C-alpha atoms as a PDB file:
ATOM      1  CA  MET A   1       9.502  -6.772  17.625  1.00  0.00           C
ATOM      2  CA  ILE A   2       5.901  -7.223  18.645  1.00  0.00           C
ATOM      3  CA  ASN A   3       4.335  -4.245  20.342  1.00  0.00           C
ATOM      4  CA  LYS A   4       2.896  -5.548  23.628  1.00  0.00           C
ATOM      5  CA  LYS A   5       0.211  -2.876  23.743  1.00  0.00           C
ATOM      6  CA  SER A   6      -1.242  -3.503  20.281  1.00  0.00           C
ATOM      7  CA  GLY A   7      -0.052  -7.073  19.688  1.00  0.00           C
ATOM      8  CA  TYR A   8       1.223  -6.147  16.190  1.00  0.00           C
ATOM      9  CA  LEU A   9       4.643  -6.020  14.675  1.00  0.00           C
ATOM     10  CA  SER A  10       6.134  -2.558  14.795  1.00  0.00           C
ATOM     11  CA  LYS A  11       5.708  -0.482  11.644  1.00  0.00           C
ATOM     12  CA  LYS A  12       9.410  -0.893  10.903  1.00  0.00           C
ATOM     13  CA  GLU A  13       9.215  -4.695  11.190  1.00  0.00           C
ATOM     14  CA  PHE A  14       6.023  -4.784   9.126  1.00  0.00           C
ATOM     15  CA  ARG A  15       7.704  -2.743   6.375  1.00  0.00           C
ATOM     16  CA  LYS A  16      10.664  -5.126   6.402  1.00  0.00           C
ATOM     17  CA  ARG A  17       8.353  -8.138   6.140  1.00  0.00           C
ATOM     18  CA  PHE A  18       6.353  -6.500   3.354  1.00  0.00           C
ATOM     19  CA  LEU A  19       9.557  -5.591   1.472  1.00  0.00           C
ATOM     20  CA  LYS A  20      10.809  -9.178   1.719  1.00  0.00           C
ATOM     21  CA  SER A  21       7.509 -10.458   0.332  1.00  0.00           C
ATOM     22  CA  ALA A  22       7.535  -7.872  -2.453  1.00  0.00           C
ATOM     23  CA  LEU A  23      11.110  -8.777  -3.422  1.00  0.00           C
ATOM     24  CA  LEU A  24      10.320 -12.490  -3.426  1.00  0.00           C
ATOM     25  CA  ALA A  25       7.209 -11.957  -5.553  1.00  0.00           C
ATOM     26  CA  THR A  26       9.197  -9.747  -7.943  1.00  0.00           C
ATOM     27  CA  GLY A  27      11.917 -12.391  -8.192  1.00  0.00           C
ATOM     28  CA  ILE A  28       9.349 -15.078  -9.037  1.00  0.00           C
ATOM     29  CA  PHE A  29       7.828 -12.769 -11.646  1.00  0.00           C
ATOM     30  CA  LEU A  30      11.209 -11.951 -13.232  1.00  0.00           C
ATOM     31  CA  ILE A  31      12.223 -15.614 -13.407  1.00  0.00           C
ATOM     32  CA  SER A  32       8.854 -16.479 -14.952  1.00  0.00           C
ATOM     33  CA  ILE A  33       8.993 -13.738 -17.573  1.00  0.00           C
ATOM     34  CA  SER A  34      12.592 -14.713 -18.392  1.00  0.00           C
ATOM     35  CA  MET A  35      11.574 -18.334 -18.928  1.00  0.00           C
ATOM     36  CA  GLY A  36       8.814 -17.200 -21.260  1.00  0.00           C
ATOM     37  CA  VAL A  37      11.042 -14.837 -23.223  1.00  0.00           C
ATOM     38  CA  LEU A  38      13.710 -17.506 -23.656  1.00  0.00           C
ATOM     39  CA  GLY A  39      11.141 -20.102 -24.675  1.00  0.00           C
ATOM     40  CA  TYR A  40       9.447 -17.843 -27.195  1.00  0.00           C
ATOM     41  CA  HIS A  41      12.804 -16.768 -28.597  1.00  0.00           C
ATOM     42  CA  PHE A  42      14.427 -20.199 -28.910  1.00  0.00           C
ATOM     43  CA  ILE A  43      11.432 -22.522 -29.373  1.00  0.00           C
ATOM     44  CA  VAL A  44       8.975 -20.318 -31.263  1.00  0.00           C
ATOM     45  CA  LYS A  45      11.813 -18.422 -33.027  1.00  0.00           C
ATOM     46  CA  LEU A  46      10.475 -14.924 -32.299  1.00  0.00           C
ATOM     47  CA  ASN A  47      12.753 -11.909 -32.033  1.00  0.00           C
ATOM     48  CA  TRP A  48      13.470 -10.652 -28.518  1.00  0.00           C
ATOM     49  CA  VAL A  49      10.814  -7.926 -28.516  1.00  0.00           C
ATOM     50  CA  ASP A  50       8.056 -10.223 -29.793  1.00  0.00           C
ATOM     51  CA  ALA A  51       9.177 -12.927 -27.349  1.00  0.00           C
ATOM     52  CA  PHE A  52       8.916 -10.425 -24.499  1.00  0.00           C
ATOM     53  CA  LEU A  53       5.506  -9.274 -25.746  1.00  0.00           C
ATOM     54  CA  ASN A  54       4.162 -12.834 -25.904  1.00  0.00           C
ATOM     55  CA  ALA A  55       5.576 -13.783 -22.501  1.00  0.00           C
ATOM     56  CA  SER A  56       4.133 -10.602 -20.973  1.00  0.00           C
ATOM     57  CA  MET A  57       0.725 -11.142 -22.536  1.00  0.00           C
ATOM     58  CA  ILE A  58       0.537 -14.736 -21.304  1.00  0.00           C
ATOM     59  CA  LEU A  59       1.873 -13.931 -17.820  1.00  0.00           C
ATOM     60  CA  GLY A  60      -0.564 -11.041 -17.532  1.00  0.00           C
ATOM     61  CA  GLY A  61      -3.476 -13.264 -18.516  1.00  0.00           C
ATOM     62  CA  MET A  62      -4.241 -11.491 -21.792  1.00  0.00           C
ATOM     63  CA  GLY A  63      -3.483 -14.363 -24.167  1.00  0.00           C
ATOM     64  CA  GLN A  64      -1.257 -15.209 -27.087  1.00  0.00           C
ATOM     65  CA  TYR A  65      -0.121 -12.418 -29.439  1.00  0.00           C
ATOM     66  CA  SER A  66       1.793 -14.250 -32.179  1.00  0.00           C
ATOM     67  CA  GLU A  67       0.534 -17.057 -34.333  1.00  0.00           C
ATOM     68  CA  LEU A  68       1.917 -20.516 -33.551  1.00  0.00           C
ATOM     69  CA  ASN A  69       2.570 -22.903 -36.445  1.00  0.00           C
ATOM     70  CA  ASP A  70       4.444 -25.941 -35.158  1.00  0.00           C
ATOM     71  CA  ASP A  71       3.197 -28.465 -32.593  1.00  0.00           C
ATOM     72  CA  SER A  72       6.259 -27.893 -30.390  1.00  0.00           C
ATOM     73  CA  GLU A  73       5.464 -24.159 -30.342  1.00  0.00           C
ATOM     74  CA  LYS A  74       1.880 -24.866 -29.328  1.00  0.00           C
ATOM     75  CA  ILE A  75       2.944 -27.278 -26.585  1.00  0.00           C
ATOM     76  CA  PHE A  76       5.405 -24.723 -25.189  1.00  0.00           C
ATOM     77  CA  ALA A  77       2.773 -21.978 -25.266  1.00  0.00           C
ATOM     78  CA  ALA A  78       0.216 -24.201 -23.521  1.00  0.00           C
ATOM     79  CA  LEU A  79       2.649 -25.256 -20.793  1.00  0.00           C
ATOM     80  CA  TYR A  80       3.849 -21.689 -20.296  1.00  0.00           C
ATOM     81  CA  ALA A  81       0.245 -20.473 -20.033  1.00  0.00           C
ATOM     82  CA  LEU A  82      -0.527 -23.076 -17.343  1.00  0.00           C
ATOM     83  CA  PHE A  83       2.693 -22.250 -15.516  1.00  0.00           C
ATOM     84  CA  SER A  84       1.937 -18.524 -15.751  1.00  0.00           C
ATOM     85  CA  GLY A  85      -1.497 -18.875 -14.194  1.00  0.00           C
ATOM     86  CA  VAL A  86      -0.097 -20.669 -11.165  1.00  0.00           C
ATOM     87  CA  THR A  87       2.859 -18.291 -10.976  1.00  0.00           C
ATOM     88  CA  PHE A  88       0.638 -15.207 -11.033  1.00  0.00           C
ATOM     89  CA  LEU A  89      -1.543 -16.519  -8.206  1.00  0.00           C
ATOM     90  CA  THR A  90       1.486 -17.597  -6.177  1.00  0.00           C
ATOM     91  CA  SER A  91       3.366 -14.327  -6.545  1.00  0.00           C
ATOM     92  CA  MET A  92       0.296 -12.230  -5.712  1.00  0.00           C
ATOM     93  CA  THR A  93      -0.358 -14.363  -2.633  1.00  0.00           C
ATOM     94  CA  ILE A  94       3.235 -13.909  -1.479  1.00  0.00           C
ATOM     95  CA  PHE A  95       3.034 -10.171  -2.171  1.00  0.00           C
ATOM     96  CA  LEU A  96      -0.234  -9.660  -0.272  1.00  0.00           C
ATOM     97  CA  ALA A  97       0.384 -12.127   2.578  1.00  0.00           C
ATOM     98  CA  PRO A  98       1.783  -9.596   5.093  1.00  0.00           C
ATOM     99  CA  VAL A  99      -1.081  -7.170   4.494  1.00  0.00           C
ATOM    100  CA  ILE A 100      -3.732  -9.870   4.783  1.00  0.00           C
ATOM    101  CA  HIS A 101      -2.032 -11.285   7.875  1.00  0.00           C
ATOM    102  CA  ARG A 102      -1.998  -7.860   9.511  1.00  0.00           C
ATOM    103  CA  PHE A 103      -5.662  -7.317   8.648  1.00  0.00           C
ATOM    104  CA  LEU A 104      -6.701 -10.705  10.045  1.00  0.00           C
ATOM    105  CA  GLN A 105      -4.553 -10.170  13.113  1.00  0.00           C
ATOM    106  CA  LYS A 106      -6.208  -6.806  13.772  1.00  0.00           C
ATOM    107  CA  PHE A 107      -9.661  -8.346  13.358  1.00  0.00           C
ATOM    108  CA  HIS A 108      -8.792 -11.138  15.773  1.00  0.00           C
ATOM    109  CA  ILE A 109      -7.240  -8.831  18.371  1.00  0.00           C
ATOM    110  CA  ASP A 110     -10.146  -6.394  18.237  1.00  0.00           C
ATOM    111  CA  PHE A 111     -12.580  -9.276  18.601  1.00  0.00           C
ATOM    112  CA  ASP A 112     -10.720 -10.675  21.639  1.00  0.00           C
ATOM    113  CA  GLN A 113     -10.477  -7.286  23.332  1.00  0.00           C
ATOM    114  CA  GLY A 114     -14.266  -6.926  23.196  1.00  0.00           C
ATOM    115  CA  GLU A 115     -14.846  -9.952  25.408  1.00  0.00           C
END
């Protein structure tokens, strides 16, 4: 519910909205890391730990850990790196959206109250 005095969502509602965003961002991250681990395991033929390491390094923006030999491995790694960049930005935007919205809302309300 929106507090009529402040114009904001109640703290309870804000926490619920933030939790939903955090869970959605976490879900996107887990699906993305799973895709990378499966790709590195089945396409690049790495063991599970090395596949997880490579997927984590790429998703975190650090870069490739293992050496790639085959063209199909290189194509997968390139596509996963591009996908990971977009996924990271998307999930962080979803995660931070309620906080940014609340900040901008406060700025707008304070500005309007001064007139």
